[in-house]
Amino acid sequence: MLVRRVCLVVTLPLLCCRSTPTTVRLHVEAGASLATPDELRLSVFGPPGREVDRERVPPCDGCVPELPDDVVLYPAAVHRLRLQLRALQQDGVVGEGVATVDPVAGEQVQATIIIVAGLSSRC
């Protein structure tokens, strides 16, 4: 699964002849009590288990996340996904958010995660 930050959406007439990829547009927001994180880490879980393991979003070292933000995910298969984002400061987890999404083949679906301070008891 590839993760890409959405910078600009442009629709070109030439793209209509190609098949549309299966994508998940993930909107990420910070809850009211969350301090600005140094980094965000995304994990994605599906039926086969963990498909993405704590991948940095945005994917560059030293990039500080700006929230709210959007991330586009390109799932390798079409099945229910559980998305988990953790906010870190100085290598410690300061917040977390989760969402479940059902991708649709050849379409873009949307999900939203609001990262709240602390950790969920489910993880």
N, C-alpha and C. Protein backbone atom coordinates (compact mmCIF):
# COMPACT_ATOMS: atom_id res chain seq x y z
N MET A 1 0.85 -1.16 0.00
CA MET A 1 0.00 0.00 0.00
C MET A 1 0.90 1.23 0.00
N LEU A 2 0.61 2.15 -0.87
CA LEU A 2 1.36 3.39 -0.94
C LEU A 2 0.60 4.49 -0.21
N VAL A 3 1.32 5.39 0.41
CA VAL A 3 0.72 6.53 1.08
C VAL A 3 1.28 7.78 0.43
N ARG A 4 0.39 8.69 0.01
CA ARG A 4 0.84 9.93 -0.62
C ARG A 4 0.07 11.09 -0.03
N ARG A 5 0.76 12.18 0.20
CA ARG A 5 0.12 13.39 0.69
C ARG A 5 -0.54 14.10 -0.49
N VAL A 6 -1.73 14.60 -0.25
CA VAL A 6 -2.47 15.30 -1.30
C VAL A 6 -2.00 16.75 -1.32
N CYS A 7 -1.38 17.17 -2.39
CA CYS A 7 -0.93 18.54 -2.53
C CYS A 7 -1.84 19.31 -3.48
N LEU A 8 -2.24 18.68 -4.55
CA LEU A 8 -3.03 19.35 -5.57
C LEU A 8 -3.81 18.30 -6.33
N VAL A 9 -5.07 18.57 -6.53
CA VAL A 9 -5.89 17.65 -7.30
C VAL A 9 -6.20 18.29 -8.63
N VAL A 10 -5.77 17.63 -9.70
CA VAL A 10 -5.99 18.14 -11.05
C VAL A 10 -6.63 17.02 -11.86
N THR A 11 -7.71 17.32 -12.53
CA THR A 11 -8.34 16.34 -13.40
C THR A 11 -8.03 16.72 -14.84
N LEU A 12 -7.42 15.81 -15.53
CA LEU A 12 -7.07 16.03 -16.93
C LEU A 12 -7.97 15.20 -17.82
N PRO A 13 -8.41 15.73 -18.94
CA PRO A 13 -9.27 14.96 -19.85
C PRO A 13 -8.64 13.65 -20.29
N LEU A 14 -7.34 13.57 -20.38
CA LEU A 14 -6.68 12.35 -20.83
C LEU A 14 -6.83 11.22 -19.84
N LEU A 15 -7.09 11.53 -18.57
CA LEU A 15 -7.20 10.49 -17.56
C LEU A 15 -8.48 9.68 -17.69
N CYS A 16 -9.46 10.15 -18.44
CA CYS A 16 -10.73 9.43 -18.54
C CYS A 16 -10.57 8.11 -19.27
N CYS A 17 -9.53 7.94 -20.01
CA CYS A 17 -9.34 6.72 -20.77
C CYS A 17 -8.65 5.63 -19.94
N ARG A 18 -8.12 5.96 -18.79
CA ARG A 18 -7.43 5.01 -17.94
C ARG A 18 -8.38 4.53 -16.85
N SER A 19 -8.08 3.39 -16.29
CA SER A 19 -8.91 2.91 -15.20
C SER A 19 -8.61 3.74 -13.94
N THR A 20 -9.62 3.94 -13.14
CA THR A 20 -9.49 4.74 -11.93
C THR A 20 -8.94 3.85 -10.82
N PRO A 21 -7.92 4.31 -10.11
CA PRO A 21 -7.37 3.49 -9.04
C PRO A 21 -8.31 3.45 -7.83
N THR A 22 -8.18 2.42 -7.06
CA THR A 22 -8.91 2.32 -5.79
C THR A 22 -8.13 3.13 -4.77
N THR A 23 -8.78 4.13 -4.17
CA THR A 23 -8.09 4.99 -3.21
C THR A 23 -8.96 5.27 -2.00
N VAL A 24 -8.29 5.63 -0.91
CA VAL A 24 -8.94 6.10 0.30
C VAL A 24 -8.36 7.47 0.60
N ARG A 25 -9.22 8.47 0.63
CA ARG A 25 -8.78 9.82 1.00
C ARG A 25 -9.03 9.97 2.49
N LEU A 26 -7.94 10.04 3.24
CA LEU A 26 -8.00 10.13 4.69
C LEU A 26 -7.82 11.57 5.13
N HIS A 27 -8.84 12.12 5.76
CA HIS A 27 -8.77 13.48 6.30
C HIS A 27 -8.37 13.36 7.77
N VAL A 28 -7.33 14.10 8.16
CA VAL A 28 -6.79 14.02 9.52
C VAL A 28 -6.92 15.38 10.19
N GLU A 29 -7.49 15.36 11.40
CA GLU A 29 -7.64 16.57 12.20
C GLU A 29 -7.09 16.32 13.60
N ALA A 30 -6.71 17.41 14.27
CA ALA A 30 -6.27 17.32 15.67
C ALA A 30 -7.45 17.65 16.57
N GLY A 31 -7.63 16.85 17.61
CA GLY A 31 -8.64 17.15 18.62
C GLY A 31 -8.23 18.39 19.39
N ALA A 32 -9.18 18.98 20.10
CA ALA A 32 -8.95 20.26 20.79
C ALA A 32 -7.82 20.19 21.81
N SER A 33 -7.63 19.05 22.47
CA SER A 33 -6.63 18.96 23.53
C SER A 33 -5.27 18.44 23.07
N LEU A 34 -5.11 18.20 21.76
CA LEU A 34 -3.85 17.65 21.26
C LEU A 34 -2.84 18.75 21.00
N ALA A 35 -1.66 18.63 21.61
CA ALA A 35 -0.55 19.55 21.33
C ALA A 35 -0.01 19.23 19.93
N THR A 36 0.62 20.20 19.29
CA THR A 36 1.16 19.98 17.96
C THR A 36 2.19 18.86 17.99
N PRO A 37 1.95 17.78 17.24
CA PRO A 37 2.89 16.65 17.26
C PRO A 37 4.13 16.91 16.40
N ASP A 38 5.23 16.22 16.76
CA ASP A 38 6.45 16.28 15.96
C ASP A 38 6.31 15.41 14.71
N GLU A 39 5.54 14.33 14.84
CA GLU A 39 5.34 13.45 13.70
C GLU A 39 4.08 12.62 13.90
N LEU A 40 3.59 12.07 12.77
CA LEU A 40 2.45 11.16 12.77
C LEU A 40 2.91 9.84 12.19
N ARG A 41 2.40 8.74 12.75
CA ARG A 41 2.71 7.39 12.25
C ARG A 41 1.41 6.67 11.94
N LEU A 42 1.32 6.14 10.71
CA LEU A 42 0.12 5.45 10.24
C LEU A 42 0.35 3.94 10.20
N SER A 43 -0.60 3.22 10.78
CA SER A 43 -0.64 1.76 10.65
C SER A 43 -1.98 1.41 10.02
N VAL A 44 -1.97 0.40 9.13
CA VAL A 44 -3.18 -0.03 8.45
C VAL A 44 -3.31 -1.54 8.65
N PHE A 45 -4.52 -1.95 9.09
CA PHE A 45 -4.79 -3.35 9.36
C PHE A 45 -5.91 -3.84 8.46
N GLY A 46 -5.75 -5.03 7.89
CA GLY A 46 -6.77 -5.66 7.06
C GLY A 46 -6.88 -7.11 7.46
N PRO A 47 -7.67 -7.91 6.71
CA PRO A 47 -7.82 -9.33 7.04
C PRO A 47 -6.50 -10.11 7.13
N PRO A 48 -5.50 -9.76 6.28
CA PRO A 48 -4.25 -10.51 6.42
C PRO A 48 -3.39 -10.05 7.60
N GLY A 49 -3.82 -9.02 8.33
CA GLY A 49 -3.01 -8.49 9.43
C GLY A 49 -2.57 -7.08 9.14
N ARG A 50 -1.42 -6.71 9.71
CA ARG A 50 -0.90 -5.35 9.54
C ARG A 50 -0.34 -5.19 8.14
N GLU A 51 -0.90 -4.24 7.38
CA GLU A 51 -0.48 -4.01 6.00
C GLU A 51 0.50 -2.85 5.90
N VAL A 52 0.39 -1.89 6.79
CA VAL A 52 1.33 -0.77 6.88
C VAL A 52 1.71 -0.66 8.35
N ASP A 53 3.00 -0.60 8.62
CA ASP A 53 3.47 -0.61 9.99
C ASP A 53 4.13 0.72 10.37
N ARG A 54 3.39 1.58 11.01
CA ARG A 54 3.89 2.85 11.57
C ARG A 54 4.67 3.68 10.54
N GLU A 55 4.09 3.83 9.36
CA GLU A 55 4.73 4.64 8.32
C GLU A 55 4.54 6.12 8.63
N ARG A 56 5.60 6.88 8.48
CA ARG A 56 5.56 8.31 8.79
C ARG A 56 4.72 9.08 7.77
N VAL A 57 3.87 9.99 8.28
CA VAL A 57 3.01 10.82 7.43
C VAL A 57 3.21 12.27 7.85
N PRO A 58 3.67 13.18 7.01
CA PRO A 58 4.21 12.95 5.67
C PRO A 58 5.49 12.11 5.74
N PRO A 59 5.87 11.46 4.64
CA PRO A 59 6.91 10.44 4.67
C PRO A 59 8.36 10.93 4.72
N CYS A 60 8.62 12.17 5.05
CA CYS A 60 10.01 12.64 5.08
C CYS A 60 10.47 12.91 6.50
N ASP A 61 11.71 12.55 6.80
CA ASP A 61 12.29 12.82 8.11
C ASP A 61 12.38 14.32 8.32
N GLY A 62 12.00 14.77 9.50
CA GLY A 62 12.09 16.19 9.81
C GLY A 62 10.88 17.01 9.38
N CYS A 63 9.96 16.42 8.60
CA CYS A 63 8.75 17.14 8.20
C CYS A 63 7.78 17.15 9.37
N VAL A 64 7.32 18.31 9.74
CA VAL A 64 6.36 18.43 10.82
C VAL A 64 4.96 18.41 10.22
N PRO A 65 4.07 17.56 10.74
CA PRO A 65 2.72 17.49 10.17
C PRO A 65 1.95 18.79 10.42
N GLU A 66 1.17 19.19 9.44
CA GLU A 66 0.29 20.34 9.56
C GLU A 66 -1.14 19.83 9.52
N LEU A 67 -1.86 20.06 10.60
CA LEU A 67 -3.23 19.58 10.68
C LEU A 67 -4.20 20.74 10.66
N PRO A 68 -5.34 20.60 9.97
CA PRO A 68 -5.81 19.42 9.26
C PRO A 68 -5.04 19.16 7.97
N ASP A 69 -5.09 17.91 7.52
CA ASP A 69 -4.40 17.51 6.30
C ASP A 69 -5.14 16.33 5.69
N ASP A 70 -4.84 16.04 4.43
CA ASP A 70 -5.39 14.90 3.73
C ASP A 70 -4.27 14.01 3.25
N VAL A 71 -4.51 12.70 3.29
CA VAL A 71 -3.56 11.70 2.83
C VAL A 71 -4.34 10.75 1.91
N VAL A 72 -3.74 10.36 0.79
CA VAL A 72 -4.38 9.41 -0.11
C VAL A 72 -3.68 8.07 0.04
N LEU A 73 -4.49 7.03 0.29
CA LEU A 73 -3.98 5.67 0.43
C LEU A 73 -4.37 4.87 -0.81
N TYR A 74 -3.47 4.02 -1.27
CA TYR A 74 -3.71 3.16 -2.43
C TYR A 74 -3.67 1.71 -1.94
N PRO A 75 -4.80 1.17 -1.50
CA PRO A 75 -4.79 -0.20 -0.98
C PRO A 75 -4.46 -1.23 -2.06
N ALA A 76 -3.73 -2.26 -1.65
CA ALA A 76 -3.34 -3.32 -2.59
C ALA A 76 -4.50 -4.25 -2.90
N ALA A 77 -5.48 -4.33 -1.98
CA ALA A 77 -6.65 -5.19 -2.18
C ALA A 77 -7.88 -4.46 -1.64
N VAL A 78 -9.05 -4.89 -2.11
CA VAL A 78 -10.29 -4.26 -1.67
C VAL A 78 -10.90 -5.09 -0.54
N HIS A 79 -10.70 -4.63 0.67
CA HIS A 79 -11.29 -5.23 1.86
C HIS A 79 -11.31 -4.18 2.97
N ARG A 80 -12.09 -4.43 4.01
CA ARG A 80 -12.21 -3.48 5.13
C ARG A 80 -10.83 -3.22 5.73
N LEU A 81 -10.57 -1.94 5.99
CA LEU A 81 -9.30 -1.52 6.57
C LEU A 81 -9.54 -0.79 7.89
N ARG A 82 -8.70 -1.04 8.85
CA ARG A 82 -8.69 -0.27 10.09
C ARG A 82 -7.45 0.61 10.04
N LEU A 83 -7.66 1.91 10.13
CA LEU A 83 -6.57 2.89 10.04
C LEU A 83 -6.28 3.42 11.44
N GLN A 84 -5.03 3.47 11.79
CA GLN A 84 -4.62 3.98 13.11
C GLN A 84 -3.51 5.01 12.91
N LEU A 85 -3.74 6.20 13.44
CA LEU A 85 -2.72 7.26 13.40
C LEU A 85 -2.30 7.58 14.82
N ARG A 86 -1.02 7.62 15.05
CA ARG A 86 -0.48 8.01 16.36
C ARG A 86 0.34 9.27 16.20
N ALA A 87 0.14 10.19 17.13
CA ALA A 87 0.88 11.45 17.17
C ALA A 87 2.02 11.29 18.18
N LEU A 88 3.23 11.69 17.76
CA LEU A 88 4.39 11.54 18.62
C LEU A 88 5.08 12.88 18.87
N GLN A 89 5.64 13.00 20.05
CA GLN A 89 6.52 14.12 20.39
C GLN A 89 7.72 13.51 21.08
N GLN A 90 8.89 13.79 20.59
CA GLN A 90 10.15 13.27 21.15
C GLN A 90 10.06 11.76 21.39
N ASP A 91 9.59 11.03 20.40
CA ASP A 91 9.49 9.57 20.40
C ASP A 91 8.48 9.00 21.39
N GLY A 92 7.64 9.84 22.00
CA GLY A 92 6.58 9.35 22.86
C GLY A 92 5.22 9.61 22.23
N VAL A 93 4.28 8.69 22.41
CA VAL A 93 2.94 8.84 21.84
C VAL A 93 2.15 9.82 22.70
N VAL A 94 1.60 10.86 22.07
CA VAL A 94 0.81 11.87 22.78
C VAL A 94 -0.65 11.88 22.35
N GLY A 95 -0.98 11.15 21.29
CA GLY A 95 -2.36 11.10 20.82
C GLY A 95 -2.56 10.01 19.81
N GLU A 96 -3.85 9.71 19.56
CA GLU A 96 -4.17 8.62 18.66
C GLU A 96 -5.57 8.83 18.08
N GLY A 97 -5.77 8.30 16.88
CA GLY A 97 -7.09 8.29 16.27
C GLY A 97 -7.21 7.06 15.40
N VAL A 98 -8.43 6.54 15.27
CA VAL A 98 -8.66 5.35 14.45
C VAL A 98 -9.92 5.54 13.60
N ALA A 99 -9.96 4.81 12.50
CA ALA A 99 -11.14 4.80 11.62
C ALA A 99 -11.17 3.47 10.90
N THR A 100 -12.36 3.08 10.48
CA THR A 100 -12.55 1.89 9.66
C THR A 100 -13.15 2.35 8.34
N VAL A 101 -12.66 1.77 7.24
CA VAL A 101 -13.14 2.18 5.92
C VAL A 101 -13.23 0.95 5.02
N ASP A 102 -14.22 0.98 4.13
CA ASP A 102 -14.40 -0.09 3.15
C ASP A 102 -14.11 0.46 1.76
N PRO A 103 -12.91 0.21 1.21
CA PRO A 103 -12.60 0.68 -0.14
C PRO A 103 -13.53 0.04 -1.17
N VAL A 104 -13.75 0.78 -2.27
CA VAL A 104 -14.57 0.30 -3.38
C VAL A 104 -13.68 0.27 -4.62
N ALA A 105 -13.64 -0.85 -5.30
CA ALA A 105 -12.77 -1.01 -6.48
C ALA A 105 -13.04 0.08 -7.50
N GLY A 106 -11.97 0.77 -7.93
CA GLY A 106 -12.07 1.79 -8.96
C GLY A 106 -12.66 3.11 -8.50
N GLU A 107 -12.83 3.30 -7.20
CA GLU A 107 -13.40 4.54 -6.68
C GLU A 107 -12.56 5.08 -5.54
N GLN A 108 -12.83 6.35 -5.20
CA GLN A 108 -12.20 6.94 -4.02
C GLN A 108 -13.26 7.05 -2.93
N VAL A 109 -12.95 6.52 -1.77
CA VAL A 109 -13.82 6.66 -0.60
C VAL A 109 -13.10 7.55 0.40
N GLN A 110 -13.86 8.09 1.35
CA GLN A 110 -13.27 9.00 2.32
C GLN A 110 -13.41 8.47 3.73
N ALA A 111 -12.45 8.83 4.55
CA ALA A 111 -12.47 8.51 5.98
C ALA A 111 -11.88 9.71 6.71
N THR A 112 -12.29 9.87 7.95
CA THR A 112 -11.76 10.96 8.78
C THR A 112 -11.25 10.39 10.09
N ILE A 113 -10.09 10.88 10.49
CA ILE A 113 -9.54 10.55 11.81
C ILE A 113 -9.32 11.86 12.55
N ILE A 114 -9.86 11.93 13.76
CA ILE A 114 -9.58 13.06 14.66
C ILE A 114 -8.67 12.51 15.74
N ILE A 115 -7.46 13.03 15.79
CA ILE A 115 -6.47 12.55 16.76
C ILE A 115 -6.73 13.24 18.09
N VAL A 116 -6.95 12.44 19.13
CA VAL A 116 -7.20 12.98 20.46
C VAL A 116 -6.01 12.65 21.37
N ALA A 117 -5.83 13.45 22.39
CA ALA A 117 -4.72 13.26 23.33
C ALA A 117 -4.90 11.93 24.06
N GLY A 118 -3.77 11.25 24.33
CA GLY A 118 -3.80 9.99 25.03
C GLY A 118 -3.87 8.82 24.09
N LEU A 119 -3.99 7.60 24.67
CA LEU A 119 -4.07 6.36 23.90
C LEU A 119 -5.38 5.66 24.16
N SER A 120 -5.87 4.98 23.14
CA SER A 120 -7.08 4.19 23.27
C SER A 120 -6.78 2.92 24.05
N SER A 121 -7.72 2.47 24.82
CA SER A 121 -7.53 1.21 25.57
C SER A 121 -7.64 0.00 24.65
N ARG A 122 -8.09 0.20 23.39
CA ARG A 122 -8.25 -0.90 22.44
C ARG A 122 -6.93 -1.31 21.80
N CYS A 123 -5.88 -0.55 21.95
CA CYS A 123 -4.63 -0.84 21.22
C CYS A 123 -3.60 -1.47 22.12
